[in-house]
Protein backbone atom coordinates (compact mmCIF):
# COMPACT_ATOMS: atom_id res chain seq x y z
CA MET A 1 -3.99 1.65 -5.75
CA THR A 2 -1.10 0.35 -7.04
CA ARG A 3 -0.17 0.37 -3.58
CA ILE A 4 0.98 0.90 -2.16
CA ALA A 5 1.64 1.11 -0.71
CA VAL A 6 1.96 -0.48 1.61
CA PHE A 7 7.29 -1.43 6.58
CA ARG A 8 8.84 -1.87 10.23
CA SER A 9 11.68 -2.67 12.32
CA LEU A 10 12.75 -6.25 12.88
CA ALA A 11 11.83 -7.72 16.23
CA VAL A 12 13.92 -8.28 19.03
CA ALA A 13 15.80 -11.50 19.09
CA VAL A 14 13.56 -14.36 20.24
CA GLY A 15 14.74 -17.11 22.59
CA ALA A 16 15.86 -20.55 21.44
CA VAL A 17 13.34 -22.97 20.12
CA SER A 18 12.03 -25.63 22.42
CA MET A 19 12.43 -29.17 21.11
CA LEU A 20 9.47 -30.41 23.20
CA ALA A 21 6.22 -31.69 21.68
CA ALA A 22 4.07 -28.81 20.41
CA CYS A 23 1.25 -29.61 22.64
CA GLY A 24 3.08 -31.12 25.61
CA GLY A 25 4.41 -29.79 28.81
CA GLY A 26 8.09 -29.14 29.60
CA ASN A 27 10.53 -26.46 30.67
CA ASN A 28 13.24 -24.67 28.83
CA ASN A 29 15.49 -21.52 29.46
CA THR A 30 13.18 -19.02 28.04
CA SER A 31 10.24 -17.18 29.71
CA GLU A 32 7.96 -18.82 27.29
CA ASN A 33 8.08 -22.33 26.21
CA LEU A 34 8.11 -22.64 22.21
CA ALA A 35 6.34 -25.21 20.15
CA SER A 36 8.65 -27.76 18.41
CA ASP A 37 6.93 -26.98 15.07
CA GLN A 38 7.71 -23.27 14.17
CA THR A 39 6.11 -23.28 10.79
CA LEU A 40 4.23 -20.10 10.04
CA SER A 41 1.38 -20.79 7.54
CA PHE A 42 -1.43 -18.57 6.10
CA PRO A 43 -3.57 -18.35 2.99
CA MET A 44 -4.03 -15.99 0.22
CA VAL A 45 -6.87 -15.78 -2.18
CA ASP A 46 -4.74 -15.01 -5.12
CA ASP A 47 -1.08 -15.63 -6.19
CA VAL A 48 1.66 -12.93 -5.76
CA GLY A 49 1.71 -10.86 -8.89
CA ASN A 50 5.09 -9.53 -9.20
CA LEU A 51 8.21 -10.63 -7.41
CA ASP A 52 10.73 -8.22 -8.68
CA PRO A 53 11.48 -5.21 -6.32
CA GLY A 54 12.02 -3.05 -9.58
CA THR A 55 8.34 -3.56 -10.71
CA MET A 56 6.56 -4.41 -7.54
CA SER A 57 3.48 -2.48 -6.54
CA ALA A 58 0.83 -4.60 -4.80
CA ALA A 59 0.48 -4.55 -1.23
CA VAL A 60 0.20 -8.26 -1.11
CA ASP A 61 3.71 -8.75 -2.81
CA ILE A 62 5.29 -6.16 -0.58
CA ASP A 63 4.06 -7.46 2.65
CA ILE A 64 5.48 -10.85 1.79
CA PHE A 65 8.73 -9.89 -0.04
CA ARG A 66 9.83 -7.19 2.60
CA ASN A 67 11.02 -10.23 4.58
CA THR A 68 13.36 -11.46 1.77
CA TYR A 69 14.78 -7.99 0.59
CA SER A 70 15.79 -4.74 2.17
CA GLY A 71 17.52 -1.45 1.53
CA LEU A 72 19.41 1.42 3.01
CA TYR A 73 16.44 2.23 5.31
CA LYS A 74 13.25 0.82 6.67
CA PHE A 75 10.27 1.89 8.81
CA ASP A 76 9.94 0.92 12.55
CA ASP A 77 6.80 -0.09 14.22
CA GLN A 78 5.63 3.46 14.63
CA LEU A 79 6.54 4.19 10.91
CA ASN A 80 9.78 6.10 11.67
CA GLU A 81 12.42 5.75 9.19
CA VAL A 82 15.44 4.07 10.59
CA PRO A 83 18.77 2.79 9.07
CA ASP A 84 18.95 -0.82 7.72
CA ILE A 85 21.94 -1.39 5.44
CA ALA A 86 22.94 2.27 6.01
CA THR A 87 25.09 3.18 8.93
CA GLY A 88 22.94 6.07 9.84
CA ALA A 89 21.09 9.05 8.25
CA PRO A 90 22.66 10.47 4.90
CA GLN A 91 24.72 13.51 4.93
CA ILE A 92 22.85 16.15 3.07
CA SER A 93 24.43 19.11 1.25
CA THR A 94 23.41 22.54 2.40
CA ASP A 95 21.63 23.11 -0.80
CA GLY A 96 19.62 19.99 -0.08
CA LEU A 97 20.52 18.22 -3.31
CA THR A 98 23.13 15.80 -2.60
CA TYR A 99 22.77 13.01 -0.32
CA THR A 100 25.70 10.79 0.80
CA PHE A 101 25.12 7.24 1.99
CA LYS A 102 27.32 5.22 4.03
CA MET A 103 26.76 1.38 4.17
CA LYS A 104 27.63 -1.32 6.68
CA ASN A 105 30.36 -3.40 5.34
CA ASN A 106 29.02 -6.82 6.86
CA VAL A 107 25.92 -7.14 4.75
CA LYS A 108 25.49 -10.10 2.63
CA PHE A 109 22.90 -11.49 0.18
CA SER A 110 21.28 -14.63 1.27
CA ASN A 111 23.78 -16.53 -1.22
CA GLY A 112 26.80 -15.11 0.60
CA ASP A 113 27.63 -12.34 -1.87
CA PRO A 114 28.86 -9.09 -0.21
CA VAL A 115 26.61 -6.10 -0.63
CA LYS A 116 28.48 -3.16 -2.04
CA ALA A 117 27.77 0.35 -3.42
CA ASP A 118 27.83 -1.11 -7.16
CA ASP A 119 24.79 -3.26 -6.09
CA PHE A 120 22.89 -0.37 -5.03
CA LEU A 121 23.76 1.87 -8.13
CA PHE A 122 22.87 -1.02 -10.46
CA SER A 123 19.48 -1.71 -8.47
CA TRP A 124 18.45 1.95 -8.59
CA ASN A 125 19.38 2.70 -12.25
CA ARG A 126 17.82 -0.65 -13.11
CA ALA A 127 14.52 0.30 -11.36
CA ALA A 128 14.44 3.62 -13.20
CA ALA A 129 14.96 1.81 -16.49
CA ILE A 130 12.29 -0.74 -15.96
CA GLN A 131 9.86 1.82 -15.33
CA GLY A 132 7.47 -0.10 -12.94
CA ASP A 133 4.61 1.51 -11.02
CA TYR A 134 7.03 3.00 -8.58
CA ALA A 135 9.91 3.94 -10.82
CA SER A 136 9.03 7.58 -9.87
CA VAL A 137 10.78 6.98 -6.51
CA PHE A 138 13.90 7.94 -8.35
CA GLN A 139 12.42 10.75 -10.49
CA PRO A 140 13.98 13.56 -8.30
CA VAL A 141 17.45 12.03 -8.99
CA ALA A 142 19.40 14.08 -11.68
CA GLY A 143 19.39 12.11 -15.06
CA TYR A 144 16.30 9.99 -14.23
CA ASP A 145 14.42 11.30 -17.32
CA ALA A 146 17.26 10.01 -19.69
CA VAL A 147 17.21 6.54 -18.15
CA ALA A 148 13.36 6.42 -18.05
CA ASN A 149 13.19 7.24 -21.67
CA GLY A 150 15.80 4.71 -22.82
CA LYS A 151 18.34 7.39 -23.64
CA ALA A 152 20.83 6.48 -20.89
CA THR A 153 21.50 3.43 -18.67
CA GLU A 154 22.68 5.31 -15.56
CA MET A 155 21.42 8.38 -13.74
CA THR A 156 24.05 11.06 -13.62
CA GLY A 157 23.10 11.87 -10.12
CA LEU A 158 24.27 8.58 -8.74
CA LYS A 159 27.99 8.45 -7.83
CA LYS A 160 30.10 5.85 -6.30
CA ILE A 161 32.48 7.08 -3.54
CA ASP A 162 33.96 3.63 -2.58
CA ASP A 163 32.76 0.13 -1.92
CA TYR A 164 30.52 1.11 0.89
CA SER A 165 29.54 4.57 0.07
CA PHE A 166 27.69 6.38 -2.65
CA SER A 167 25.87 9.81 -3.26
CA ALA A 168 22.63 10.74 -5.12
CA THR A 169 22.25 14.30 -6.30
CA LEU A 170 18.73 15.49 -7.02
CA SER A 171 17.90 17.75 -9.95
CA ALA A 172 15.88 20.03 -7.57
CA PRO A 173 15.39 20.11 -3.77
CA ALA A 174 12.81 17.30 -2.70
CA ALA A 175 12.66 16.84 0.92
CA TYR A 176 10.21 14.07 0.81
CA TRP A 177 12.60 11.95 -1.31
CA PHE A 178 14.43 10.54 1.69
CA THR A 179 11.29 8.86 2.91
CA GLU A 180 11.02 7.10 -0.57
CA VAL A 181 14.41 5.66 -0.23
CA ALA A 182 13.08 3.27 2.29
CA LEU A 183 10.51 1.88 -0.33
CA TRP A 184 10.64 -1.66 -2.14
CA THR A 185 11.75 0.20 -5.31
CA ALA A 186 14.89 1.14 -3.65
CA TRP A 187 15.59 -2.46 -2.24
CA VAL A 188 19.02 -3.82 -3.26
CA VAL A 189 19.30 -6.82 -5.66
CA ASP A 190 22.52 -8.77 -6.29
CA LYS A 191 24.00 -7.40 -9.59
CA LYS A 192 25.93 -10.64 -10.33
CA VAL A 193 23.01 -12.81 -10.04
CA VAL A 194 20.69 -10.64 -11.89
CA LEU A 195 22.95 -10.22 -14.94
CA ALA A 196 23.90 -13.92 -14.89
CA ALA A 197 20.09 -14.67 -15.35
CA GLY A 198 19.51 -12.43 -18.42
CA LYS A 199 19.32 -8.86 -19.23
CA ALA A 200 19.43 -6.37 -16.33
CA THR A 201 15.77 -5.32 -17.00
CA GLU A 202 14.41 -8.85 -17.04
CA SER A 203 12.45 -10.19 -13.93
CA ASN A 204 12.64 -14.08 -14.48
CA TRP A 205 15.39 -14.36 -11.86
CA ALA A 206 12.99 -13.10 -9.25
CA SER A 207 10.33 -15.79 -9.77
CA ASP A 208 12.96 -18.73 -9.30
CA PRO A 209 13.81 -19.53 -5.66
CA ALA A 210 17.52 -20.28 -6.76
CA THR A 211 18.07 -16.92 -7.95
CA ALA A 212 15.55 -14.76 -5.99
CA ILE A 213 18.51 -13.40 -3.83
CA GLY A 214 18.04 -10.69 -1.22
CA THR A 215 19.31 -9.29 1.88
CA GLY A 216 16.21 -9.96 4.17
CA SER A 217 16.02 -12.34 7.02
CA PHE A 218 14.27 -15.02 4.85
CA LYS A 219 14.74 -16.55 1.43
CA MET A 220 12.19 -18.27 -0.98
CA THR A 221 12.80 -21.96 -1.09
CA ALA A 222 9.85 -23.15 -3.43
CA ARG A 223 7.15 -21.94 -5.38
CA THR A 224 4.43 -23.56 -7.41
CA PRO A 225 2.57 -20.68 -9.19
CA LYS A 226 -1.03 -20.40 -8.08
CA GLN A 227 -0.72 -23.08 -5.50
CA SER A 228 2.06 -22.42 -2.90
CA ILE A 229 5.20 -20.42 -1.80
CA ASP A 230 7.71 -21.60 0.74
CA PHE A 231 10.36 -19.52 2.78
CA ALA A 232 13.01 -20.45 5.24
CA PRO A 233 15.33 -18.18 7.41
CA VAL A 234 18.83 -17.13 5.86
CA SER A 235 21.61 -19.05 7.65
CA ASN A 236 23.95 -16.76 9.43
CA TRP A 237 22.00 -13.74 8.42
CA TRP A 238 23.95 -10.49 8.69
CA GLY A 239 21.17 -8.62 10.63
CA GLY A 240 21.43 -11.19 13.44
CA SER A 241 18.57 -13.41 14.78
CA THR A 242 15.90 -14.39 12.34
CA GLY A 243 13.59 -15.25 15.27
CA ALA A 244 11.74 -18.47 16.17
CA ILE A 245 10.05 -19.32 12.72
CA THR A 246 11.71 -22.05 10.88
CA LYS A 247 9.50 -22.24 7.89
CA VAL A 248 6.90 -19.95 6.23
CA HIS A 249 4.29 -21.73 4.00
CA ILE A 250 1.68 -19.69 2.06
CA GLU A 251 -1.10 -21.44 0.07
CA ILE A 252 -3.23 -19.97 -2.55
CA ILE A 253 -6.99 -20.70 -1.82
CA ALA A 254 -9.45 -18.59 -3.73
CA ASP A 255 -12.40 -19.22 -1.32
CA GLN A 256 -12.12 -17.55 2.03
CA LYS A 257 -14.44 -19.91 3.80
CA SER A 258 -12.27 -22.86 2.76
CA SER A 259 -9.32 -21.03 4.28
CA LEU A 260 -11.06 -20.43 7.47
CA THR A 261 -11.95 -24.11 7.75
CA LYS A 262 -8.46 -25.05 7.31
CA TYR A 263 -7.37 -22.51 10.03
CA GLU A 264 -10.08 -23.78 12.44
CA SER A 265 -8.74 -27.34 11.79
CA GLY A 266 -5.25 -26.30 12.79
CA ASN A 267 -3.79 -26.23 9.33
CA PHE A 268 -2.99 -22.50 9.30
CA THR A 269 -1.23 -20.30 11.93
CA LEU A 270 -3.03 -17.29 11.07
CA ILE A 271 -5.37 -15.43 8.52
CA GLY A 272 -4.65 -11.76 7.69
CA PHE A 273 -1.10 -11.48 6.62
CA ALA A 274 -0.50 -10.29 2.95
CA ASN A 275 -3.55 -8.02 3.09
CA GLN A 276 -5.97 -10.85 3.42
CA SER A 277 -9.36 -10.84 5.08
CA LEU A 278 -11.96 -13.09 6.35
CA ASP A 279 -15.38 -13.71 4.57
CA PRO A 280 -17.74 -10.96 5.86
CA ASP A 281 -20.16 -13.33 7.41
CA ASP A 282 -17.25 -15.11 9.27
CA VAL A 283 -15.58 -11.84 10.59
CA VAL A 284 -18.98 -10.84 12.05
CA ARG A 285 -19.31 -14.15 13.63
CA TYR A 286 -15.93 -13.90 15.32
CA ASN A 287 -16.46 -10.39 16.49
CA SER A 288 -19.74 -11.25 18.18
CA ASP A 289 -18.67 -14.29 19.80
CA PRO A 290 -16.88 -13.79 23.03
CA GLN A 291 -14.52 -16.72 22.69
CA LEU A 292 -13.82 -16.32 18.98
CA LYS A 293 -13.27 -12.67 19.52
CA LYS A 294 -10.20 -13.44 21.46
CA GLN A 295 -8.55 -14.56 18.21
CA LEU A 296 -9.46 -11.49 16.25
CA GLN A 297 -7.63 -8.28 15.96
CA LEU A 298 -8.95 -5.25 14.15
CA LEU A 299 -6.37 -2.77 13.32
CA PRO A 300 -6.49 0.52 11.34
CA SER A 301 -5.21 0.20 7.82
CA ALA A 302 -3.87 3.16 5.86
CA ARG A 303 -6.38 3.03 3.05
CA THR A 304 -9.23 5.40 2.17
CA THR A 305 -12.01 4.42 -0.29
CA TRP A 306 -14.08 7.29 -2.07
CA ILE A 307 -16.33 8.04 -4.84
CA GLY A 308 -14.20 8.99 -7.90
CA PHE A 309 -15.60 11.78 -9.92
CA ASN A 310 -14.40 12.40 -13.38
CA PHE A 311 -13.17 16.07 -13.85
CA CYS A 312 -12.08 15.55 -17.38
CA GLU A 313 -12.86 13.92 -20.91
CA GLY A 314 -9.20 12.88 -21.56
CA ALA A 315 -6.02 12.58 -19.62
CA GLY A 316 -4.06 15.48 -18.93
CA LYS A 317 -6.59 18.23 -19.76
CA PRO A 318 -7.18 20.94 -17.10
CA SER A 319 -10.62 20.90 -15.34
CA LYS A 320 -11.70 24.05 -16.97
CA ASN A 321 -11.73 22.37 -20.41
CA CYS A 322 -13.65 19.34 -19.13
CA THR A 323 -17.08 20.70 -18.50
CA LYS A 324 -18.45 19.09 -21.61
CA GLY A 325 -19.43 15.32 -21.61
CA ASN A 326 -18.75 14.54 -18.04
CA PRO A 327 -21.56 15.50 -15.65
CA PHE A 328 -19.28 15.78 -12.68
CA ALA A 329 -16.51 17.78 -14.27
CA GLY A 330 -15.08 21.25 -13.09
CA ASP A 331 -17.07 23.92 -11.44
CA ALA A 332 -20.29 22.97 -13.33
CA GLY A 333 -20.33 19.47 -11.67
CA LYS A 334 -19.51 20.65 -8.29
CA LEU A 335 -23.22 20.70 -7.11
CA GLY A 336 -23.59 17.11 -8.57
CA ARG A 337 -20.46 16.06 -6.51
CA GLU A 338 -21.98 17.63 -3.45
CA ALA A 339 -25.37 15.87 -3.81
CA PHE A 340 -23.84 12.50 -4.55
CA SER A 341 -21.73 12.62 -1.46
CA LEU A 342 -24.41 14.00 1.01
CA ALA A 343 -26.89 11.37 -0.28
CA VAL A 344 -24.82 8.54 1.41
CA ASP A 345 -25.49 7.53 4.80
CA ARG A 346 -22.04 6.23 5.68
CA ASP A 347 -23.38 4.53 8.83
CA GLN A 348 -25.63 2.35 6.57
CA LEU A 349 -22.73 1.70 4.21
CA VAL A 350 -20.28 0.73 7.17
CA ASP A 351 -22.81 -1.71 8.56
CA ILE A 352 -23.69 -3.38 5.41
CA ALA A 353 -20.53 -3.15 2.97
CA CYS A 354 -18.02 -3.27 5.88
CA SER A 355 -19.44 -6.11 7.71
CA LYS A 356 -20.82 -4.20 10.69
CA GLY A 357 -17.71 -2.19 11.04
CA THR A 358 -15.23 -5.06 11.12
CA ALA A 359 -13.73 -4.17 7.58
CA CYS A 360 -13.80 -0.24 7.64
CA PHE A 361 -15.14 2.79 9.39
CA LYS A 362 -16.57 5.91 7.95
CA ALA A 363 -14.29 8.66 6.65
CA THR A 364 -15.08 12.03 7.92
CA GLY A 365 -11.71 13.87 7.97
CA GLY A 366 -10.49 14.22 4.40
CA VAL A 367 -8.95 11.86 1.90
CA ILE A 368 -5.85 11.14 3.91
CA THR A 369 -6.55 8.19 6.26
CA LYS A 370 -6.96 8.87 9.91
CA GLY A 371 -3.76 8.20 11.85
CA LEU A 372 -1.58 9.45 9.02
CA LYS A 373 0.14 12.91 8.71
CA GLY A 374 -2.13 15.18 6.89
CA TYR A 375 -5.25 14.05 8.36
CA LEU A 376 -7.64 16.87 8.91
CA GLY A 377 -9.40 15.60 12.00
CA ASP A 378 -12.52 13.86 12.73
CA ASN A 379 -15.84 15.44 11.26
CA THR A 380 -14.06 18.04 9.10
CA ASP A 381 -15.44 16.99 5.86
CA PRO A 382 -18.81 18.81 5.37
CA TRP A 383 -19.71 16.65 2.50
CA ALA A 384 -19.12 13.33 4.34
CA VAL A 385 -22.30 13.62 6.29
CA PHE A 386 -25.82 12.28 5.36
CA ASP A 387 -28.19 15.09 4.49
CA LYS A 388 -30.93 13.86 2.22
CA ALA A 389 -32.88 17.03 2.11
CA LYS A 390 -29.85 19.14 1.15
CA ALA A 391 -28.61 16.62 -1.32
CA GLN A 392 -32.01 16.59 -3.07
CA SER A 393 -32.08 20.43 -3.20
CA LEU A 394 -28.47 20.47 -4.86
CA PHE A 395 -29.42 17.74 -7.17
CA LYS A 396 -32.53 19.57 -8.44
CA GLN A 397 -30.44 22.53 -9.18
CA TRP A 398 -27.75 20.54 -11.05
CA ASP A 399 -29.73 17.99 -12.90
CA PRO A 400 -33.42 19.44 -12.97
CA ASP A 401 -34.42 17.14 -15.85
CA GLY A 402 -32.36 14.09 -15.09
CA SER A 403 -30.61 14.07 -18.32
CA LYS A 404 -27.08 14.22 -16.69
CA THR A 405 -27.62 11.05 -14.68
CA LYS A 406 -29.50 9.05 -17.35
CA ASN A 407 -27.88 5.76 -17.88
CA LEU A 408 -25.11 6.39 -15.26
CA VAL A 409 -22.67 3.62 -14.72
CA TYR A 410 -20.45 3.24 -11.44
CA THR A 411 -17.46 1.10 -12.30
CA TYR A 412 -15.07 -0.83 -10.06
CA ASN A 413 -12.53 -3.59 -10.10
CA THR A 414 -13.91 -6.88 -9.21
CA SER A 415 -13.83 -7.81 -5.38
CA GLY A 416 -16.61 -8.66 -2.94
CA PHE A 417 -16.00 -5.49 -1.02
CA ASN A 418 -16.02 -3.27 -4.00
CA LYS A 419 -19.41 -4.87 -5.18
CA ALA A 420 -21.01 -4.44 -1.63
CA VAL A 421 -20.11 -0.89 -1.74
CA CYS A 422 -21.47 -0.22 -5.13
CA ASP A 423 -24.69 -2.16 -4.41
CA ASN A 424 -25.33 -0.11 -1.34
CA LEU A 425 -24.38 3.24 -2.90
CA ALA A 426 -26.64 2.39 -5.81
CA SER A 427 -29.50 1.59 -3.40
CA GLN A 428 -29.07 4.78 -1.45
CA TRP A 429 -28.74 7.02 -4.60
CA GLN A 430 -32.00 5.50 -5.88
CA ALA A 431 -33.78 6.05 -2.51
CA ASN A 432 -32.25 9.50 -1.77
CA LEU A 433 -31.82 11.01 -5.15
CA GLY A 434 -33.99 9.22 -7.45
CA VAL A 435 -31.08 8.11 -9.46
CA LYS A 436 -30.81 4.67 -11.15
CA MET A 437 -27.28 3.69 -10.98
CA GLN A 438 -25.88 0.61 -12.85
CA CYS A 439 -22.91 -1.13 -11.09
CA THR A 440 -20.30 -2.61 -13.39
CA ALA A 441 -17.22 -4.64 -12.51
CA GLN A 442 -14.11 -5.18 -14.44
CA ASP A 443 -11.08 -7.22 -14.01
CA ARG A 444 -8.34 -5.38 -12.18
CA ALA A 445 -6.00 -4.81 -15.23
CA SER A 446 -8.80 -3.54 -17.40
CA PHE A 447 -10.04 -1.20 -14.68
CA PHE A 448 -6.87 0.35 -13.75
CA ASN A 449 -5.84 0.96 -17.43
CA ALA A 450 -9.07 2.59 -18.32
CA ARG A 451 -9.14 4.55 -15.03
CA THR A 452 -5.71 5.95 -15.80
CA LYS A 453 -7.27 7.43 -18.96
CA CYS A 454 -10.06 9.03 -17.12
CA SER A 455 -12.68 6.85 -18.87
CA TYR A 456 -15.41 6.58 -16.14
CA PRO A 457 -17.72 9.48 -15.14
CA ILE A 458 -18.01 8.03 -11.60
CA PHE A 459 -16.12 5.14 -10.19
CA ARG A 460 -14.65 3.41 -7.27
CA HIS A 461 -11.31 5.00 -6.03
CA SER A 462 -9.07 4.21 -3.05
CA TRP A 463 -5.55 4.56 -2.09
CA GLY A 464 -3.46 2.65 0.30
CA ALA A 465 -0.66 4.79 1.44
CA ASP A 466 2.79 3.86 0.64
CA TYR A 467 4.40 5.76 3.54
CA ASP A 468 3.46 8.22 6.04
CA HIS A 469 3.82 11.37 4.11
CA PRO A 470 1.23 13.58 2.35
CA GLN A 471 3.41 13.92 -0.80
CA ASP A 472 2.46 10.29 -1.50
CA TRP A 473 -1.21 11.28 -1.78
CA PHE A 474 -0.89 14.46 -3.71
CA ASP A 475 1.77 13.61 -6.29
CA PHE A 476 0.22 10.30 -7.25
CA LEU A 477 -3.45 11.38 -7.15
CA PHE A 478 -4.24 15.07 -7.21
CA VAL A 479 -1.58 17.26 -9.01
CA THR A 480 -2.05 17.77 -12.70
CA ASP A 481 -1.32 14.63 -14.76
CA ALA A 482 -1.03 12.45 -11.63
CA GLY A 483 -0.50 8.97 -12.74
CA SER A 484 -2.95 7.29 -10.43
CA GLY A 485 -5.69 9.93 -10.29
CA GLY A 486 -8.30 8.52 -12.54
CA ALA A 487 -10.20 11.82 -12.34
CA CYS A 488 -7.82 14.17 -14.42
CA TYR A 489 -8.13 16.73 -11.53
CA SER A 490 -6.19 19.80 -12.17
CA ASN A 491 -5.71 22.86 -9.94
CA SER A 492 -2.72 25.33 -10.61
CA GLN A 493 -3.06 26.50 -6.98
CA LEU A 494 -2.64 23.09 -5.59
CA ASP A 495 0.00 22.31 -7.95
CA GLN A 496 2.23 25.11 -6.82
CA MET A 497 1.58 24.42 -3.16
CA ALA A 498 2.59 20.78 -3.67
CA LYS A 499 5.93 21.93 -5.49
CA ASP A 500 6.59 24.25 -2.51
CA ALA A 501 5.67 21.73 0.12
CA ASN A 502 7.65 19.02 -1.43
CA ALA A 503 10.93 21.09 -1.30
CA LYS A 504 10.67 21.40 2.49
CA PRO A 505 11.10 19.15 5.37
CA LEU A 506 7.73 17.77 6.79
CA SER A 507 8.09 19.82 9.99
CA GLN A 508 7.86 23.09 7.80
CA SER A 509 5.36 21.75 5.19
CA LEU A 510 2.63 19.87 7.01
CA ASP A 511 0.36 22.89 7.39
CA THR A 512 0.60 23.34 3.59
CA TYR A 513 -0.35 19.81 2.99
CA LYS A 514 -3.31 20.18 5.30
CA ALA A 515 -4.38 23.18 3.40
CA MET A 516 -4.19 21.24 0.22
CA ASN A 517 -6.31 18.45 1.68
CA LYS A 518 -8.87 21.21 2.64
CA ILE A 519 -8.87 22.47 -1.03
CA LEU A 520 -9.98 18.84 -1.95
CA VAL A 521 -12.65 18.80 0.68
CA ASP A 522 -14.09 22.30 -0.18
CA ASN A 523 -14.22 21.32 -3.81
CA THR A 524 -15.53 17.88 -3.22
CA VAL A 525 -13.03 16.29 -5.31
CA THR A 526 -13.43 13.06 -3.51
CA GLY A 527 -16.65 11.73 -2.04
CA ASN A 528 -14.77 10.25 0.89
CA LEU A 529 -16.64 6.89 2.19
CA VAL A 530 -14.40 4.83 4.48
CA TYR A 531 -11.19 4.21 6.14
CA GLY A 532 -9.69 0.62 6.09
CA ILE A 533 -9.30 -2.02 8.77
CA GLN A 534 -6.93 -4.83 8.65
CA GLN A 535 -8.22 -8.05 10.03
CA TYR A 536 -5.93 -10.69 11.60
CA VAL A 537 -7.22 -13.97 13.20
CA SER A 538 -4.85 -16.19 15.15
CA PRO A 539 -4.79 -18.42 18.25
CA ALA A 540 -3.51 -17.03 21.51
CA TYR A 541 -0.50 -19.21 21.46
CA VAL A 542 0.85 -17.49 18.21
CA LYS A 543 2.51 -14.29 19.18
CA GLY A 544 3.53 -11.37 17.20
CA VAL A 545 0.69 -11.47 14.75
CA GLY A 546 -0.41 -7.97 13.60
CA GLY A 547 0.87 -4.87 12.10
CA ASN A 548 0.76 -1.04 11.81
CA ALA A 549 -1.28 1.03 9.48
CA LEU A 550 0.80 0.27 6.51
CA TYR A 551 2.58 -3.22 6.86
CA ASP A 552 2.23 -6.62 8.64
CA ASN A 553 4.66 -7.59 11.34
CA TYR A 554 7.94 -8.90 10.04
CA TRP A 555 8.09 -12.73 10.29
CA THR A 556 10.82 -12.45 12.83
CA ASP A 557 8.26 -10.93 15.21
CA VAL A 558 6.16 -14.13 15.21
CA LYS A 559 6.74 -17.18 17.58
CA ILE A 560 4.37 -20.17 18.21
CA LEU A 561 4.15 -21.29 21.89
CA GLN A 562 3.34 -24.59 23.25
CA HIS A 563 -0.33 -25.48 23.09
């Protein structure tokens, strides 16, 4: 993914920090004694990639910088959308086109500048112009296309009413759009600061702690690329208490075992924030040791990994024109897709590639991850079961002489997990279908660039949900010309269903989205493999570590007790 994506309410204010020694005794006026050192520290295997909300897309970046930026709305612990800078829900016109937002008048950026409607209009127009991975958040707004194509600098649908209110008029009803308003692309940036640092569309300001100004509870105070990043609470933050933590220190350490060694030596508060994980051997060790297991949390993560099948020869062509050249394309390739999916024992895959079930669990209910709206239910995907005999029968019908699968290559972006998955799939396909599959890794940028152009016949695909709405899956992955699809799947029936569902509130459209998910299952568009698990490891005296299916807890949730 681009991810997405991939948000919760701030914690209740934490009691005052105790000034007693971290490991000593003592009393204070709170129900729990806090350590004197409230430094939250954790490792990342790679540096942040993009610090500008207008172009941000990676889960790692979003999980960190949701603590330094904010917008009109956010998601609470149950992923419900709630007001943040907005005073309440928007006023929506009877035709469903115009949303009027009213803002709190006490909100300030971390440098003290007041936040006004002009800042939001600037931020949203800027994001549309930059055309980052999630610029399409503003696609429903009237005038978006002109800004996206460089023919205008402002969307005609955005109108300032006064300093603390503005409206957004859509070009067509899009009931899901209000959910997207809570995403990072719609976070507000300081117009004055951004323009002072250069052109509006430049991002240099976001990488400099002096100019990385947001409205979140923390601000970046230092950064050494590829080494470390530091943050501190915002003094007199407009939102109230920033909690107990007085400093956040992130170190870039490529080797996961080295990170764990530092954690076990007391040099890190936790491992797991910013979409990080333990080395597979270590997470199994922690999960199997009764004492170490007390430090480990395994929580559902809104990510599905599946076998990507190419339906096309080139981007944008409908599947009926893509039966030549790609063995898995269109109706002619359906038996092959079914055979390759049925030939995978997902229990074995989970045991080997998912560190004995500590990194993921098998996907049996469609492509939308279990726990999210649109999930079809456990064991509803008939192609997500292991049936060697049926797989072999279908395979012989589809490729009797082996010509379609000769020299077949499964491509993935480089990572330990993706390699383990491919190695196991290749082993199973060799044993169960007699197909010799070559696993090929590519760097992340090259892989995604080529996948967008539908370059691979069979490949690793996954999606981390950006928000809990089925539209996030279909519009980005499965409608015709979906930007993140990688398979060039095209189905006019599904396209029309998506258009109809997107125009209605989710309470009226959920059944339609589920029917769309069922179409994907029935046509074996995706060979669904596993749903994700996010790992967190932290000592018992560190409270507030964890997250929901989409995001880590805010740093304001965390506190370190005396120990």
